[in-house]
Amino acid sequence: MHRVDPGILRGAQPFTRGQWEALHKRHRFASVLNLRGDNPKAGWYKDEIASASAHHCQHVNLMISSKRLPTRESLLQLLDAFRDLPRPLLIKCAGGSDRTGLASAFYFLDSQGAMALPEAWKHLNLIPYLHRPKPQQRWIKEMLHFFSLTHKGEPLRDWIATVYSEETLGAYLIAQNKGDYWRRDKERS
């Protein structure tokens, strides 16, 4: 569990109801942003939903894969969640390092603009966040490079709406010889 900003924490997946209860008691979350998406058959998900409900905590599912390039719509939904969800907010995925790192970086870029790039970069570090991406996850850091090269002063939300797409990021990754693992994973799905 790491603090992103006052009122926002990021973390890995708590897998038991007891772990959730301890987190709610300690942090008193008003909302949880689950980046793993809706998983109604999974035991961890049932515990997460039950605990959130028991603590009157708003729970929002948003599917952002660490293996596939995110859609424009999912990134805009992420920014909406930052704007709309009550604090304290927990942002979580499975390991708390890749997707939560990207979300944390985008939080800073959305709230403070491109001048927050140095702070955004910190959220994709090995220490203390354990961001050590597998080949199919390396696009995550590259997305910040892509933003830094193409935003031209635009706020993040406008950049996502007008410049970003899976295709534009994919073309950038190919041009930079960063591999296409994300493409192969998508083709297998």
Protein backbone atom coordinates (compact mmCIF):
# COMPACT_ATOMS: atom_id res chain seq x y z
CA MET A 1 0.00 0.00 0.00
CA HIS A 2 1.43 3.37 -1.05
CA ARG A 3 0.10 6.90 -0.78
CA VAL A 4 -0.31 8.60 -4.16
CA ASP A 5 -1.62 11.90 -2.83
CA PRO A 6 -3.58 12.88 0.27
CA GLY A 7 -6.77 10.87 0.02
CA ILE A 8 -5.52 8.46 -2.66
CA LEU A 9 -3.73 5.17 -2.06
CA ARG A 10 -2.61 2.44 -4.44
CA GLY A 11 -2.14 -1.20 -3.68
CA ALA A 12 -2.18 -4.84 -4.64
CA GLN A 13 -5.16 -7.15 -4.51
CA PRO A 14 -6.30 -8.09 -0.99
CA PHE A 15 -7.45 -11.68 -1.44
CA THR A 16 -9.52 -12.37 1.66
CA ARG A 17 -12.41 -10.71 3.41
CA GLY A 18 -10.19 -10.42 6.50
CA GLN A 19 -7.57 -8.46 4.56
CA TRP A 20 -10.27 -6.14 3.25
CA GLU A 21 -11.69 -5.64 6.73
CA ALA A 22 -8.26 -4.67 8.08
CA LEU A 23 -7.72 -2.20 5.23
CA HIS A 24 -11.13 -0.60 5.72
CA LYS A 25 -10.51 -0.29 9.45
CA ARG A 26 -7.09 1.30 8.93
CA HIS A 27 -7.79 3.60 5.95
CA ARG A 28 -11.58 4.05 6.00
CA PHE A 29 -11.85 4.06 2.20
CA ALA A 30 -14.84 5.88 0.78
CA SER A 31 -14.24 4.26 -2.61
CA VAL A 32 -12.28 1.53 -4.36
CA LEU A 33 -11.28 1.65 -8.02
CA ASN A 34 -10.71 -1.92 -9.17
CA LEU A 35 -8.61 -1.96 -12.36
CA ARG A 36 -9.14 -5.72 -12.80
CA GLY A 37 -12.68 -5.26 -14.07
CA ASP A 38 -15.83 -7.14 -13.12
CA ASN A 39 -15.05 -10.71 -11.92
CA PRO A 40 -18.29 -11.95 -10.32
CA LYS A 41 -17.23 -15.63 -10.20
CA ALA A 42 -13.91 -15.03 -8.41
CA GLY A 43 -13.74 -15.49 -4.66
CA TRP A 44 -11.48 -12.46 -4.19
CA TYR A 45 -14.03 -10.32 -6.04
CA LYS A 46 -16.95 -11.54 -3.94
CA ASP A 47 -15.00 -10.70 -0.76
CA GLU A 48 -14.08 -7.28 -2.17
CA ILE A 49 -17.69 -6.42 -3.03
CA ALA A 50 -19.02 -7.72 0.30
CA SER A 51 -16.49 -5.73 2.30
CA ALA A 52 -17.07 -2.56 0.30
CA SER A 53 -20.82 -2.91 0.82
CA ALA A 54 -20.43 -3.59 4.55
CA HIS A 55 -18.36 -0.42 4.92
CA HIS A 56 -20.59 1.76 2.68
CA CYS A 57 -17.67 2.11 0.31
CA GLN A 58 -18.33 2.91 -3.34
CA HIS A 59 -16.83 0.24 -5.59
CA VAL A 60 -16.07 0.88 -9.27
CA ASN A 61 -14.78 -1.67 -11.79
CA LEU A 62 -12.67 -0.52 -14.70
CA MET A 63 -10.91 -3.05 -16.90
CA ILE A 64 -7.43 -1.93 -17.85
CA SER A 65 -5.26 -4.82 -18.94
CA SER A 66 -1.53 -4.72 -18.32
CA LYS A 67 -1.01 -6.83 -21.45
CA ARG A 68 -3.07 -4.88 -23.98
CA LEU A 69 -3.06 -1.23 -24.92
CA PRO A 70 -5.92 0.58 -23.20
CA THR A 71 -8.83 1.99 -25.13
CA ARG A 72 -9.45 5.71 -25.28
CA GLU A 73 -12.75 5.12 -23.49
CA SER A 74 -11.14 3.27 -20.57
CA LEU A 75 -8.57 6.04 -20.06
CA LEU A 76 -11.27 8.70 -20.06
CA GLN A 77 -13.25 6.59 -17.55
CA LEU A 78 -10.13 6.46 -15.38
CA LEU A 79 -9.91 10.26 -15.35
CA ASP A 80 -13.64 10.48 -14.59
CA ALA A 81 -13.12 8.14 -11.63
CA PHE A 82 -10.38 10.39 -10.23
CA ARG A 83 -12.70 13.36 -10.56
CA ASP A 84 -15.87 11.73 -9.24
CA LEU A 85 -15.00 9.11 -6.63
CA PRO A 86 -15.09 10.13 -2.98
CA ARG A 87 -11.90 10.14 -0.93
CA PRO A 88 -10.13 8.30 0.58
CA LEU A 89 -9.80 6.31 -2.64
CA LEU A 90 -7.94 3.03 -3.12
CA ILE A 91 -6.71 2.25 -6.64
CA LYS A 92 -5.92 -1.46 -6.97
CA CYS A 93 -5.08 -4.15 -9.46
CA ALA A 94 -3.59 -7.61 -8.97
CA GLY A 95 0.01 -6.77 -8.06
CA GLY A 96 -0.25 -3.05 -7.37
CA SER A 97 2.69 -2.16 -9.58
CA ASP A 98 1.82 -1.97 -13.29
CA ARG A 99 -1.78 -0.83 -13.82
CA THR A 100 -1.86 1.07 -10.54
CA GLY A 101 1.43 2.70 -11.54
CA LEU A 102 -0.07 3.89 -14.82
CA ALA A 103 -3.22 5.06 -13.05
CA SER A 104 -1.16 6.95 -10.44
CA ALA A 105 0.94 8.57 -13.17
CA PHE A 106 -2.21 9.61 -15.01
CA TYR A 107 -3.67 11.03 -11.80
CA PHE A 108 -0.74 13.46 -11.57
CA LEU A 109 -0.80 14.33 -15.26
CA ASP A 110 -4.55 14.95 -15.10
CA SER A 111 -4.52 17.02 -11.93
CA GLN A 112 -1.28 18.96 -12.48
CA GLY A 113 -0.61 18.86 -16.21
CA ALA A 114 2.53 17.92 -18.10
CA MET A 115 4.70 19.67 -15.53
CA ALA A 116 3.94 16.67 -13.29
CA LEU A 117 5.79 14.25 -15.61
CA PRO A 118 8.70 13.85 -13.14
CA GLU A 119 6.25 12.85 -10.39
CA ALA A 120 4.31 10.63 -12.80
CA TRP A 121 7.51 8.79 -13.76
CA LYS A 122 8.21 7.94 -10.12
CA HIS A 123 5.08 5.77 -10.00
CA LEU A 124 6.58 3.41 -12.57
CA ASN A 125 9.78 2.69 -10.65
CA LEU A 126 11.03 -0.62 -9.35
CA ILE A 127 11.67 0.90 -5.91
CA PRO A 128 9.35 1.18 -4.02
CA TYR A 129 6.53 0.10 -6.35
CA LEU A 130 8.03 -3.11 -7.78
CA HIS A 131 7.28 -2.07 -11.36
CA ARG A 132 9.31 -4.67 -13.25
CA PRO A 133 7.25 -5.18 -16.37
CA LYS A 134 7.17 -8.37 -18.36
CA PRO A 135 7.72 -7.93 -22.12
CA GLN A 136 3.98 -7.57 -22.82
CA GLN A 137 3.73 -4.85 -20.14
CA ARG A 138 6.57 -2.61 -21.31
CA TRP A 139 4.14 -0.37 -23.17
CA ILE A 140 3.11 1.11 -19.79
CA LYS A 141 6.27 3.20 -19.35
CA GLU A 142 6.42 3.88 -23.07
CA MET A 143 2.98 5.45 -22.86
CA LEU A 144 4.44 8.25 -20.72
CA HIS A 145 7.20 8.76 -23.31
CA PHE A 146 4.54 8.93 -26.01
CA PHE A 147 2.56 11.50 -24.04
CA SER A 148 5.64 13.61 -23.34
CA LEU A 149 6.51 13.69 -27.05
CA THR A 150 3.03 14.37 -28.42
CA HIS A 151 0.96 16.39 -25.92
CA LYS A 152 2.06 19.84 -27.19
CA GLY A 153 0.78 21.50 -24.01
CA GLU A 154 -2.64 19.86 -24.14
CA PRO A 155 -4.21 18.70 -20.89
CA LEU A 156 -4.15 14.91 -20.52
CA ARG A 157 -7.91 14.56 -21.06
CA ASP A 158 -7.74 16.49 -24.33
CA TRP A 159 -4.67 14.52 -25.44
CA ILE A 160 -6.50 11.25 -24.83
CA ALA A 161 -9.57 12.51 -26.70
CA THR A 162 -7.68 13.83 -29.73
CA VAL A 163 -4.23 12.23 -30.04
CA TYR A 164 -4.24 8.93 -28.18
CA SER A 165 -5.61 5.71 -29.59
CA GLU A 166 -4.48 2.11 -29.45
CA GLU A 167 -3.34 2.57 -33.05
CA THR A 168 -1.26 5.73 -32.44
CA LEU A 169 0.47 4.25 -29.39
CA GLY A 170 0.98 0.97 -31.25
CA ALA A 171 2.57 2.77 -34.21
CA TYR A 172 4.87 4.65 -31.81
CA LEU A 173 5.91 1.41 -30.09
CA ILE A 174 6.68 -0.26 -33.42
CA ALA A 175 8.63 2.79 -34.67
CA GLN A 176 10.69 2.78 -31.44
CA ASN A 177 11.44 -0.97 -31.76
CA LYS A 178 9.70 -1.65 -28.45
CA GLY A 179 8.21 -4.93 -29.58
CA ASP A 180 4.64 -5.92 -30.24
CA TYR A 181 3.87 -8.34 -27.42
CA TRP A 182 0.72 -6.34 -26.70
CA ARG A 183 -0.42 -7.02 -30.28
CA ARG A 184 0.23 -10.76 -30.11
CA ASP A 185 -1.63 -11.00 -26.80
CA LYS A 186 -4.61 -9.20 -28.34
CA GLU A 187 -4.60 -11.52 -31.36
CA ARG A 188 -4.72 -14.57 -29.05
CA SER A 189 -7.72 -13.20 -27.13
